[in-house]
Structures are given as structure tokens and as C-alpha cells.
Amino acid sequence: MDAAEIGSSTGAWGGRRKGAGRPRVERKRKSRLVQFHDEEWDAIKEKAVKREMSIREYLYFLAENDTIPE
């Protein structure tokens, strides 16, 4: 096999294949930047910990529900 054959894309390796790769996600989340004062962040964190949730889970919960849990 010479150097031209090694770089050839006609072989059985590589390239795009039907069904290959990670499946697409219908509802994709995007990163967002939100800024809080330290006191605000501490209050959010305290409420999340009180409900045994991560801060992310707590913020998702607030976004999905009309009422704020106490």
C-alpha cells in the first residue's frame, strides 16, 4: 500500500454513515449567564438545599411552576 492509498476516502473506514453518532435531542438546553448578588445567590442556594435539590433543579422547578414553594 502506498501513501496515496493510505489517505484515500474510498476505504471502509470513517466517513458519514446512516444512524452513526449521537442522536439529536428534541428539546436542547442552552447555556445562559445569569448574575446574582452574593446575598441573592446564598438565598437561592439555601432554599434549594432545604428542599434537597441542586440549585439547577430548584431554578428549573421555579421556571416550571406558577407558585414559589416555601
N, C-alpha and C. Protein backbone atom coordinates (compact mmCIF):
# COMPACT_ATOMS: atom_id res chain seq x y z
N MET A 1 0.86 -1.17 0.00
CA MET A 1 0.00 0.00 0.00
C MET A 1 0.90 1.23 0.00
N ASP A 2 0.65 2.16 -0.92
CA ASP A 2 1.49 3.35 -0.97
C ASP A 2 0.80 4.50 -0.23
N ALA A 3 1.48 5.64 -0.13
CA ALA A 3 0.99 6.79 0.63
C ALA A 3 -0.34 7.31 0.09
N ALA A 4 -0.57 7.24 -1.20
CA ALA A 4 -1.81 7.73 -1.79
C ALA A 4 -3.00 6.88 -1.35
N GLU A 5 -2.79 5.59 -1.18
CA GLU A 5 -3.87 4.70 -0.77
C GLU A 5 -4.22 4.86 0.70
N ILE A 6 -3.25 5.21 1.53
CA ILE A 6 -3.48 5.37 2.96
C ILE A 6 -4.46 6.51 3.23
N GLY A 7 -4.33 7.62 2.52
CA GLY A 7 -5.20 8.77 2.73
C GLY A 7 -6.48 8.71 1.93
N SER A 8 -6.73 7.66 1.22
CA SER A 8 -7.90 7.54 0.37
C SER A 8 -9.17 7.42 1.19
N SER A 9 -10.24 8.09 0.74
CA SER A 9 -11.51 8.05 1.46
C SER A 9 -12.45 6.98 0.89
N THR A 10 -11.95 6.15 0.00
CA THR A 10 -12.80 5.12 -0.60
C THR A 10 -12.79 3.83 0.19
N GLY A 11 -12.03 3.76 1.27
CA GLY A 11 -11.94 2.56 2.07
C GLY A 11 -13.19 2.37 2.92
N ALA A 12 -13.19 1.35 3.73
CA ALA A 12 -14.34 1.01 4.56
C ALA A 12 -14.36 1.78 5.88
N TRP A 13 -13.33 2.53 6.19
CA TRP A 13 -13.25 3.22 7.47
C TRP A 13 -13.67 4.67 7.36
N GLY A 14 -14.20 5.18 8.44
CA GLY A 14 -14.51 6.60 8.54
C GLY A 14 -15.66 7.03 7.65
N GLY A 15 -15.86 8.30 7.61
CA GLY A 15 -16.93 8.84 6.78
C GLY A 15 -18.28 8.82 7.48
N ARG A 16 -19.23 9.40 6.85
CA ARG A 16 -20.57 9.51 7.39
C ARG A 16 -21.35 8.23 7.12
N ARG A 17 -22.05 7.76 8.15
CA ARG A 17 -22.86 6.56 7.99
C ARG A 17 -24.24 6.82 8.58
N LYS A 18 -25.26 6.29 7.96
CA LYS A 18 -26.62 6.46 8.45
C LYS A 18 -26.74 5.83 9.83
N GLY A 19 -27.32 6.58 10.76
CA GLY A 19 -27.52 6.08 12.11
C GLY A 19 -26.31 6.21 13.02
N ALA A 20 -25.19 6.69 12.50
CA ALA A 20 -23.98 6.82 13.32
C ALA A 20 -24.03 8.12 14.12
N GLY A 21 -23.36 8.14 15.23
CA GLY A 21 -23.25 9.34 16.03
C GLY A 21 -24.33 9.45 17.09
N ARG A 22 -24.24 10.52 17.84
CA ARG A 22 -25.16 10.77 18.93
C ARG A 22 -26.53 11.18 18.38
N PRO A 23 -27.62 10.63 18.94
CA PRO A 23 -28.94 11.01 18.46
C PRO A 23 -29.25 12.49 18.78
N ARG A 24 -30.01 13.13 17.91
CA ARG A 24 -30.38 14.52 18.14
C ARG A 24 -31.39 14.61 19.26
N VAL A 25 -31.31 15.69 20.02
CA VAL A 25 -32.22 15.92 21.14
C VAL A 25 -33.30 16.89 20.66
N GLU A 26 -34.55 16.55 20.94
CA GLU A 26 -35.67 17.41 20.52
C GLU A 26 -35.62 18.77 21.21
N ARG A 27 -35.54 18.75 22.53
CA ARG A 27 -35.54 19.98 23.32
C ARG A 27 -34.15 20.19 23.89
N LYS A 28 -33.34 20.93 23.22
CA LYS A 28 -31.95 21.12 23.62
C LYS A 28 -31.84 22.31 24.57
N ARG A 29 -31.11 22.12 25.66
CA ARG A 29 -30.87 23.21 26.60
C ARG A 29 -29.64 23.98 26.15
N LYS A 30 -29.71 25.29 26.33
CA LYS A 30 -28.58 26.15 26.01
C LYS A 30 -28.05 26.76 27.30
N SER A 31 -26.76 27.01 27.34
CA SER A 31 -26.16 27.67 28.49
C SER A 31 -26.59 29.13 28.52
N ARG A 32 -26.82 29.63 29.70
CA ARG A 32 -27.18 31.03 29.90
C ARG A 32 -26.31 31.59 31.03
N LEU A 33 -26.09 32.86 30.97
CA LEU A 33 -25.34 33.54 32.02
C LEU A 33 -26.31 34.42 32.80
N VAL A 34 -26.39 34.17 34.09
CA VAL A 34 -27.26 34.96 34.96
C VAL A 34 -26.40 35.46 36.12
N GLN A 35 -26.54 36.72 36.44
CA GLN A 35 -25.73 37.29 37.51
C GLN A 35 -26.60 37.59 38.72
N PHE A 36 -26.08 37.22 39.90
CA PHE A 36 -26.75 37.45 41.17
C PHE A 36 -25.78 38.13 42.13
N HIS A 37 -26.31 38.91 43.04
CA HIS A 37 -25.50 39.38 44.16
C HIS A 37 -25.26 38.19 45.07
N ASP A 38 -24.20 38.23 45.86
CA ASP A 38 -23.88 37.10 46.75
C ASP A 38 -25.04 36.76 47.68
N GLU A 39 -25.71 37.78 48.20
CA GLU A 39 -26.82 37.55 49.13
C GLU A 39 -27.98 36.83 48.42
N GLU A 40 -28.24 37.20 47.18
CA GLU A 40 -29.32 36.57 46.41
C GLU A 40 -28.98 35.11 46.13
N TRP A 41 -27.73 34.86 45.71
CA TRP A 41 -27.30 33.50 45.41
C TRP A 41 -27.35 32.63 46.66
N ASP A 42 -26.93 33.18 47.80
CA ASP A 42 -26.98 32.44 49.06
C ASP A 42 -28.41 32.07 49.43
N ALA A 43 -29.35 32.99 49.20
CA ALA A 43 -30.76 32.72 49.50
C ALA A 43 -31.31 31.61 48.59
N ILE A 44 -30.96 31.65 47.31
CA ILE A 44 -31.40 30.61 46.38
C ILE A 44 -30.80 29.27 46.79
N LYS A 45 -29.51 29.27 47.09
CA LYS A 45 -28.83 28.04 47.49
C LYS A 45 -29.43 27.46 48.77
N GLU A 46 -29.73 28.32 49.73
CA GLU A 46 -30.32 27.88 51.00
C GLU A 46 -31.69 27.22 50.76
N LYS A 47 -32.51 27.82 49.91
CA LYS A 47 -33.83 27.25 49.62
C LYS A 47 -33.72 25.93 48.87
N ALA A 48 -32.76 25.84 47.97
CA ALA A 48 -32.55 24.60 47.23
C ALA A 48 -32.10 23.48 48.17
N VAL A 49 -31.16 23.77 49.04
CA VAL A 49 -30.65 22.78 49.99
C VAL A 49 -31.77 22.34 50.94
N LYS A 50 -32.60 23.29 51.37
CA LYS A 50 -33.72 23.00 52.28
C LYS A 50 -34.67 21.98 51.64
N ARG A 51 -34.82 22.02 50.33
CA ARG A 51 -35.71 21.12 49.61
C ARG A 51 -34.97 19.92 49.01
N GLU A 52 -33.71 19.77 49.41
CA GLU A 52 -32.86 18.68 48.94
C GLU A 52 -32.78 18.65 47.41
N MET A 53 -32.58 19.83 46.82
CA MET A 53 -32.44 19.98 45.39
C MET A 53 -31.13 20.68 45.10
N SER A 54 -30.62 20.47 43.89
CA SER A 54 -29.48 21.28 43.45
C SER A 54 -30.03 22.66 43.07
N ILE A 55 -29.15 23.62 42.94
CA ILE A 55 -29.58 24.95 42.53
C ILE A 55 -30.21 24.89 41.14
N ARG A 56 -29.63 24.11 40.26
CA ARG A 56 -30.17 23.95 38.91
C ARG A 56 -31.58 23.38 38.95
N GLU A 57 -31.77 22.31 39.73
CA GLU A 57 -33.10 21.70 39.85
C GLU A 57 -34.10 22.69 40.44
N TYR A 58 -33.67 23.44 41.44
CA TYR A 58 -34.56 24.41 42.08
C TYR A 58 -34.98 25.50 41.09
N LEU A 59 -34.04 26.01 40.31
CA LEU A 59 -34.37 27.05 39.33
C LEU A 59 -35.28 26.50 38.24
N TYR A 60 -35.05 25.25 37.79
CA TYR A 60 -35.95 24.62 36.82
C TYR A 60 -37.35 24.50 37.40
N PHE A 61 -37.40 24.09 38.68
CA PHE A 61 -38.69 23.94 39.35
C PHE A 61 -39.44 25.27 39.37
N LEU A 62 -38.74 26.34 39.71
CA LEU A 62 -39.37 27.65 39.75
C LEU A 62 -39.86 28.08 38.37
N ALA A 63 -39.11 27.74 37.33
CA ALA A 63 -39.49 28.12 35.97
C ALA A 63 -40.72 27.35 35.51
N GLU A 64 -40.88 26.12 35.98
CA GLU A 64 -41.98 25.27 35.53
C GLU A 64 -43.27 25.44 36.34
N ASN A 65 -43.18 26.04 37.52
CA ASN A 65 -44.35 26.15 38.39
C ASN A 65 -44.73 27.60 38.60
N ASP A 66 -46.02 27.82 38.75
CA ASP A 66 -46.52 29.19 38.95
C ASP A 66 -46.35 29.69 40.37
N THR A 67 -46.26 28.78 41.32
CA THR A 67 -46.12 29.18 42.72
C THR A 67 -44.72 28.91 43.21
N ILE A 68 -44.30 29.72 44.15
CA ILE A 68 -42.98 29.54 44.76
C ILE A 68 -43.15 28.73 46.04
N PRO A 69 -42.48 27.58 46.13
CA PRO A 69 -42.62 26.76 47.34
C PRO A 69 -41.94 27.43 48.54
N GLU A 70 -42.52 27.27 49.68
CA GLU A 70 -41.93 27.83 50.91
C GLU A 70 -41.55 26.78 51.88
